[in-house]
Amino acid sequence: MLTCLFPGQGAQAPGFLHRLPAHAAVRATLDEASAVLGTDVSMLDTADALCSTVAVQVTLLTAGVAFARALEAEGLTIDAVAGLSVGAYPAAVACGALDFGDALRLVRCRAQLMERAYPSGYGLVAVLGLSETHVETLASDFDGRIHVANVNAPRQIVVAGDDAALAGFSARAREAGARKAERLAVSVPSHCLLLADAAEELAAFAGTIRFARPRALYVDNRGARPLRDAAAIRDDLATNMRYTVRWFDAVTVLAEMGARVFVEAPPAQMLTEINRDAFADVTALAAAGSDFGNLVATIRARLR
């Protein structure tokens, strides 16, 4: 079972769209994105452009869809998908639940709502080496200003909050034994109640967009369960910005359901590293840094 994983915000790096495979499906996807957005999407991956949450989210969506389409153009069938945070959108496109043009419009709206709600002064910190329970205990001392945003692995937790609280929390986490407490390249407080109002607005917009029953297995990262109908996937995408990402639970469910070959879409390798650490009996591959032809050959060999 070939499972495609799609990274979320924070995975971006300047020039990452230009490092996508030189493939006809990639070029067609970039052209389609540019037509829908009314701007040359290939100009949105500069260092300056990526200061915008909107640019980050639409380019990550575009990269993920381009990669998935390139795999399928090479005759590889994607059997299951999951995406971290905004990565859920290319996952929904790849499994057939959402049209790419509609996904672009949804993600642009999502990012605009997030930026409008918190234009500055907020963000995310990744904590390595502490459990979720330990992180929650430390967060309880900050009067509701620190929220658990992602549980990426048992000891890889991301928290959201305002700048001052994040600085104080990071210091406390390091004192408590965290190997790292590092600010991420995300300028909004994702995946917590601070975005509840924005999620309601996005849900209203998502209600105007057509979703379809997925043709491949779609596992959400809010409840870590398979979603098999259009309405459930619409709700997941529209509201995931306000709920904690249960990423490790999601990939555990996929492994338990028989996923044995995981491939991570560009531009990062963090999801691959998590799988390699957690699951000894699966093949975890990352497109980033790989020759596309060699990657396709490796996937075919592992599937056999």
Protein backbone atom coordinates (compact mmCIF):
# COMPACT_ATOMS: atom_id res chain seq x y z
CA MET A 1 0.00 0.00 0.00
CA LEU A 2 1.55 3.28 -1.15
CA THR A 3 0.85 6.11 1.27
CA CYS A 4 1.66 9.72 0.42
CA LEU A 5 2.30 12.14 3.28
CA PHE A 6 2.14 15.92 2.88
CA PRO A 7 4.04 18.30 5.20
CA GLY A 8 2.64 21.44 6.77
CA GLN A 9 3.70 25.02 7.31
CA GLY A 10 7.27 25.30 8.55
CA ALA A 11 8.52 22.84 5.93
CA GLN A 12 8.96 25.58 3.32
CA ALA A 13 12.36 26.93 2.25
CA PRO A 14 13.29 29.57 -0.33
CA GLY A 15 13.32 28.18 -3.85
CA PHE A 16 11.56 24.92 -3.00
CA LEU A 17 9.12 25.09 -5.94
CA HIS A 18 12.10 25.37 -8.27
CA ARG A 19 13.51 22.12 -6.86
CA LEU A 20 10.43 20.10 -7.77
CA PRO A 21 10.97 17.32 -10.34
CA ALA A 22 11.33 18.45 -13.94
CA HIS A 23 8.18 16.60 -14.94
CA ALA A 24 5.27 17.49 -17.25
CA ALA A 25 2.75 16.92 -14.43
CA VAL A 26 4.64 19.36 -12.20
CA ARG A 27 4.76 22.04 -14.90
CA ALA A 28 1.04 21.62 -15.61
CA THR A 29 0.22 21.92 -11.90
CA LEU A 30 2.25 25.11 -11.50
CA ASP A 31 0.51 26.59 -14.56
CA GLU A 32 -2.90 25.63 -13.20
CA ALA A 33 -2.13 27.20 -9.82
CA SER A 34 -0.96 30.41 -11.48
CA ALA A 35 -4.16 30.62 -13.53
CA VAL A 36 -6.41 30.09 -10.49
CA LEU A 37 -4.51 32.51 -8.24
CA GLY A 38 -3.98 35.14 -10.92
CA THR A 39 -0.26 35.34 -10.20
CA ASP A 40 2.87 33.41 -11.15
CA VAL A 41 3.01 30.85 -8.35
CA SER A 42 6.68 30.15 -9.08
CA MET A 43 7.46 33.65 -7.76
CA LEU A 44 5.95 32.87 -4.35
CA ASP A 45 8.83 30.78 -3.01
CA THR A 46 11.37 33.58 -2.55
CA ALA A 47 12.56 34.38 0.97
CA ASP A 48 10.58 37.62 0.95
CA ALA A 49 7.41 36.03 -0.43
CA LEU A 50 7.52 33.26 2.15
CA CYS A 51 7.12 35.83 4.92
CA SER A 52 3.44 35.68 3.95
CA THR A 53 1.30 32.90 5.42
CA VAL A 54 -0.77 32.99 2.22
CA ALA A 55 2.27 32.39 0.01
CA VAL A 56 3.53 29.59 2.26
CA GLN A 57 0.25 27.71 2.34
CA VAL A 58 -0.61 27.95 -1.36
CA THR A 59 2.90 26.92 -2.41
CA LEU A 60 2.93 23.93 -0.06
CA LEU A 61 -0.44 22.88 -1.50
CA THR A 62 0.85 23.30 -5.04
CA ALA A 63 4.04 21.36 -4.37
CA GLY A 64 2.15 18.47 -2.80
CA VAL A 65 -0.38 18.18 -5.62
CA ALA A 66 2.35 18.48 -8.27
CA PHE A 67 4.32 15.66 -6.67
CA ALA A 68 1.29 13.38 -6.29
CA ARG A 69 0.32 13.96 -9.92
CA ALA A 70 3.86 13.18 -11.05
CA LEU A 71 3.79 9.87 -9.16
CA GLU A 72 0.48 8.90 -10.73
CA ALA A 73 1.72 9.94 -14.18
CA GLU A 74 4.48 7.37 -13.69
CA GLY A 75 1.88 4.65 -13.09
CA LEU A 76 2.03 4.62 -9.29
CA THR A 77 -1.35 4.45 -7.57
CA ILE A 78 -1.61 6.31 -4.28
CA ASP A 79 -3.61 4.07 -1.94
CA ALA A 80 -3.69 6.27 1.16
CA VAL A 81 -2.96 9.88 2.14
CA ALA A 82 -2.49 12.04 5.18
CA GLY A 83 -1.35 15.64 5.54
CA LEU A 84 -0.07 17.61 8.48
CA SER A 85 -2.08 20.81 8.99
CA VAL A 86 -2.32 22.56 5.60
CA GLY A 87 -0.87 19.35 4.16
CA ALA A 88 -4.36 17.90 4.56
CA TYR A 89 -5.40 19.94 1.52
CA PRO A 90 -3.05 18.32 -1.03
CA ALA A 91 -3.96 15.02 0.64
CA ALA A 92 -7.63 15.71 -0.11
CA VAL A 93 -6.81 16.57 -3.73
CA ALA A 94 -4.61 13.47 -4.14
CA CYS A 95 -7.37 11.15 -2.92
CA GLY A 96 -9.95 12.70 -5.22
CA ALA A 97 -12.07 14.37 -2.54
CA LEU A 98 -11.37 17.96 -3.67
CA ASP A 99 -10.65 19.71 -6.96
CA PHE A 100 -7.24 21.42 -7.06
CA GLY A 101 -8.67 24.80 -8.06
CA ASP A 102 -11.13 24.69 -5.19
CA ALA A 103 -8.34 23.63 -2.83
CA LEU A 104 -6.31 26.69 -3.86
CA ARG A 105 -9.25 28.99 -3.16
CA LEU A 106 -9.88 27.34 0.20
CA VAL A 107 -6.25 27.49 1.27
CA ARG A 108 -5.91 31.12 0.21
CA CYS A 109 -9.00 31.94 2.29
CA ARG A 110 -7.67 29.88 5.21
CA ALA A 111 -4.32 31.67 5.22
CA GLN A 112 -5.92 35.10 4.86
CA LEU A 113 -8.20 34.43 7.82
CA MET A 114 -5.24 33.30 9.93
CA GLU A 115 -3.17 36.35 8.99
CA ARG A 116 -6.06 38.70 9.62
CA ALA A 117 -6.74 37.21 13.04
CA TYR A 118 -3.10 37.36 14.15
CA PRO A 119 -1.02 39.61 11.87
CA SER A 120 1.93 39.61 14.29
CA GLY A 121 3.08 38.70 17.77
CA TYR A 122 2.22 34.99 17.68
CA GLY A 123 3.71 31.73 16.45
CA LEU A 124 4.81 28.18 17.20
CA VAL A 125 7.65 26.51 19.11
CA ALA A 126 8.75 22.90 18.57
CA VAL A 127 9.80 21.05 21.73
CA LEU A 128 11.93 17.92 21.46
CA GLY A 129 12.51 15.52 24.32
CA LEU A 130 9.43 16.10 26.49
CA SER A 131 6.16 14.17 26.52
CA GLU A 132 2.78 15.76 25.79
CA THR A 133 1.85 15.46 29.46
CA HIS A 134 5.04 17.21 30.53
CA VAL A 135 4.48 19.98 27.98
CA GLU A 136 0.89 20.45 29.14
CA THR A 137 2.07 20.72 32.73
CA LEU A 138 4.56 23.44 31.81
CA ALA A 139 1.93 25.22 29.68
CA SER A 140 -0.49 25.34 32.61
CA ASP A 141 1.76 27.95 34.27
CA PHE A 142 1.14 30.45 31.44
CA ASP A 143 -2.51 31.31 32.15
CA GLY A 144 -3.94 29.94 28.91
CA ARG A 145 -1.38 31.65 26.67
CA ILE A 146 0.36 28.42 25.60
CA HIS A 147 -1.54 25.69 23.72
CA VAL A 148 -0.47 22.24 22.51
CA ALA A 149 -0.75 22.54 18.72
CA ASN A 150 0.89 19.38 17.32
CA VAL A 151 1.81 15.98 18.68
CA ASN A 152 4.14 14.94 15.87
CA ALA A 153 5.79 12.13 17.83
CA PRO A 154 5.71 11.00 21.48
CA ARG A 155 8.49 13.46 22.34
CA GLN A 156 8.12 15.97 19.52
CA ILE A 157 5.46 18.48 20.56
CA VAL A 158 4.61 21.87 19.05
CA VAL A 159 3.01 24.64 21.09
CA ALA A 160 1.26 27.84 19.99
CA GLY A 161 1.02 31.20 21.71
CA ASP A 162 2.08 34.81 21.82
CA ASP A 163 5.73 35.83 21.48
CA ALA A 164 6.37 36.63 25.13
CA ALA A 165 4.71 33.47 26.40
CA LEU A 166 6.58 31.34 23.85
CA ALA A 167 9.91 32.83 24.93
CA GLY A 168 9.17 32.11 28.59
CA PHE A 169 7.86 28.64 27.83
CA SER A 170 10.93 27.77 25.73
CA ALA A 171 13.22 28.69 28.61
CA ARG A 172 11.16 26.61 31.02
CA ALA A 173 11.13 23.64 28.64
CA ARG A 174 14.91 23.68 28.29
CA GLU A 175 15.27 23.87 32.07
CA ALA A 176 12.93 20.85 32.31
CA GLY A 177 15.20 18.77 30.07
CA ALA A 178 14.00 19.45 26.52
CA ARG A 179 16.73 18.80 23.95
CA LYS A 180 15.41 21.68 21.90
CA ALA A 181 12.73 24.37 22.11
CA GLU A 182 12.89 26.10 18.75
CA ARG A 183 10.73 28.78 17.15
CA LEU A 184 9.26 27.61 13.83
CA ALA A 185 8.84 29.61 10.63
CA VAL A 186 5.13 30.07 11.30
CA SER A 187 3.77 33.49 12.23
CA VAL A 188 0.30 32.48 13.46
CA PRO A 189 -0.88 30.44 16.48
CA SER A 190 -2.07 27.39 14.55
CA HIS A 191 -4.14 24.49 15.89
CA CYS A 192 -5.65 25.94 19.00
CA LEU A 193 -8.76 27.75 20.21
CA LEU A 194 -7.26 31.10 19.26
CA LEU A 195 -8.36 30.30 15.71
CA ALA A 196 -11.90 29.16 16.55
CA ASP A 197 -13.56 32.20 14.95
CA ALA A 198 -11.41 31.93 11.81
CA ALA A 199 -12.35 28.24 11.53
CA GLU A 200 -16.06 29.12 11.63
CA GLU A 201 -15.59 31.59 8.77
CA LEU A 202 -13.65 29.04 6.74
CA ALA A 203 -16.33 26.42 7.37
CA ALA A 204 -18.94 28.77 5.90
CA PHE A 205 -16.83 29.21 2.76
CA ALA A 206 -16.10 25.48 2.53
CA GLY A 207 -19.85 24.87 2.51
CA THR A 208 -20.01 26.47 -0.95
CA ILE A 209 -17.45 24.05 -2.42
CA ARG A 210 -18.12 20.61 -3.81
CA PHE A 211 -16.39 17.66 -2.16
CA ALA A 212 -16.47 14.05 -3.36
CA ARG A 213 -16.13 10.64 -1.76
CA PRO A 214 -12.39 9.82 -1.66
CA ARG A 215 -11.11 7.11 -3.99
CA ALA A 216 -8.10 6.46 -1.71
CA LEU A 217 -7.91 6.15 2.07
CA TYR A 218 -7.83 9.57 3.77
CA VAL A 219 -6.76 9.71 7.42
CA ASP A 220 -7.27 12.98 9.26
CA ASN A 221 -4.78 14.31 11.81
CA ARG A 222 -7.34 15.73 14.22
CA GLY A 223 -9.04 12.47 15.22
CA ALA A 224 -6.54 10.12 13.54
CA ARG A 225 -9.23 8.12 11.82
CA PRO A 226 -10.16 7.22 8.24
CA LEU A 227 -12.73 9.60 6.73
CA ARG A 228 -14.75 7.97 3.99
CA ASP A 229 -17.30 10.57 2.89
CA ALA A 230 -17.22 14.05 1.42
CA ALA A 231 -18.89 15.85 4.33
CA ALA A 232 -16.42 14.49 6.87
CA ILE A 233 -13.43 15.59 4.80
CA ARG A 234 -14.95 19.04 4.28
CA ASP A 235 -15.38 19.43 8.05
CA ASP A 236 -11.85 18.22 8.71
CA LEU A 237 -10.27 20.70 6.30
CA ALA A 238 -12.41 23.63 7.39
CA THR A 239 -11.83 23.21 11.11
CA ASN A 240 -8.38 21.65 11.50
CA MET A 241 -6.74 25.03 12.18
CA ARG A 242 -8.41 25.15 15.62
CA TYR A 243 -7.67 21.59 16.78
CA THR A 244 -4.49 19.88 17.94
CA VAL A 245 -2.77 17.89 15.18
CA ARG A 246 -2.51 14.23 16.26
CA TRP A 247 0.05 13.37 13.60
CA PHE A 248 1.71 10.44 15.32
CA ASP A 249 -1.66 8.84 15.94
CA ALA A 250 -2.57 9.30 12.26
CA VAL A 251 0.53 7.57 10.91
CA THR A 252 0.18 4.83 13.54
CA VAL A 253 -3.33 4.15 12.26
CA LEU A 254 -2.03 4.00 8.68
CA ALA A 255 0.67 1.51 9.67
CA GLU A 256 -1.89 -0.60 11.52
CA MET A 257 -4.11 -0.59 8.42
CA GLY A 258 -1.33 -2.06 6.31
CA ALA A 259 0.63 0.89 4.94
CA ARG A 260 4.15 -0.32 4.28
CA VAL A 261 5.57 2.24 1.83
CA PHE A 262 5.36 5.89 2.91
CA VAL A 263 6.61 8.67 0.65
CA GLU A 264 6.76 12.28 1.82
CA ALA A 265 6.00 15.01 -0.68
CA PRO A 266 8.39 17.98 -0.99
CA PRO A 267 9.86 20.06 0.47
CA ALA A 268 10.87 18.45 3.78
CA GLN A 269 11.87 15.16 5.41
CA MET A 270 10.57 15.53 8.97
CA LEU A 271 7.61 13.19 8.47
CA THR A 272 9.94 10.58 6.99
CA GLU A 273 12.27 10.81 9.98
CA ILE A 274 9.34 10.29 12.34
CA ASN A 275 8.30 7.14 10.50
CA ARG A 276 11.84 5.77 10.38
CA ASP A 277 12.20 6.25 14.12
CA ALA A 278 8.81 4.80 15.00
CA PHE A 279 8.19 1.93 12.59
CA ALA A 280 10.96 -0.56 11.89
CA ASP A 281 8.90 -2.59 9.41
CA VAL A 282 7.92 0.17 6.95
CA THR A 283 9.74 1.87 4.11
CA ALA A 284 9.85 5.64 4.64
CA LEU A 285 11.02 7.73 1.69
CA ALA A 286 11.30 11.49 1.18
CA ALA A 287 11.07 13.24 -2.17
CA ALA A 288 13.14 16.16 -0.92
CA GLY A 289 16.76 15.68 -1.91
CA SER A 290 15.97 12.60 -4.03
CA ASP A 291 16.29 12.14 -7.77
CA PHE A 292 12.72 11.65 -8.97
CA GLY A 293 13.51 8.78 -11.32
CA ASN A 294 15.41 6.92 -8.62
CA LEU A 295 12.60 7.58 -6.14
CA VAL A 296 10.00 6.12 -8.49
CA ALA A 297 12.16 3.04 -9.07
CA THR A 298 12.63 2.58 -5.32
CA ILE A 299 8.90 2.88 -4.66
CA ARG A 300 8.15 0.26 -7.31
CA ALA A 301 10.73 -2.10 -5.86
CA ARG A 302 9.43 -1.69 -2.31
CA LEU A 303 5.83 -2.22 -3.40
CA ARG A 304 6.83 -5.50 -5.02
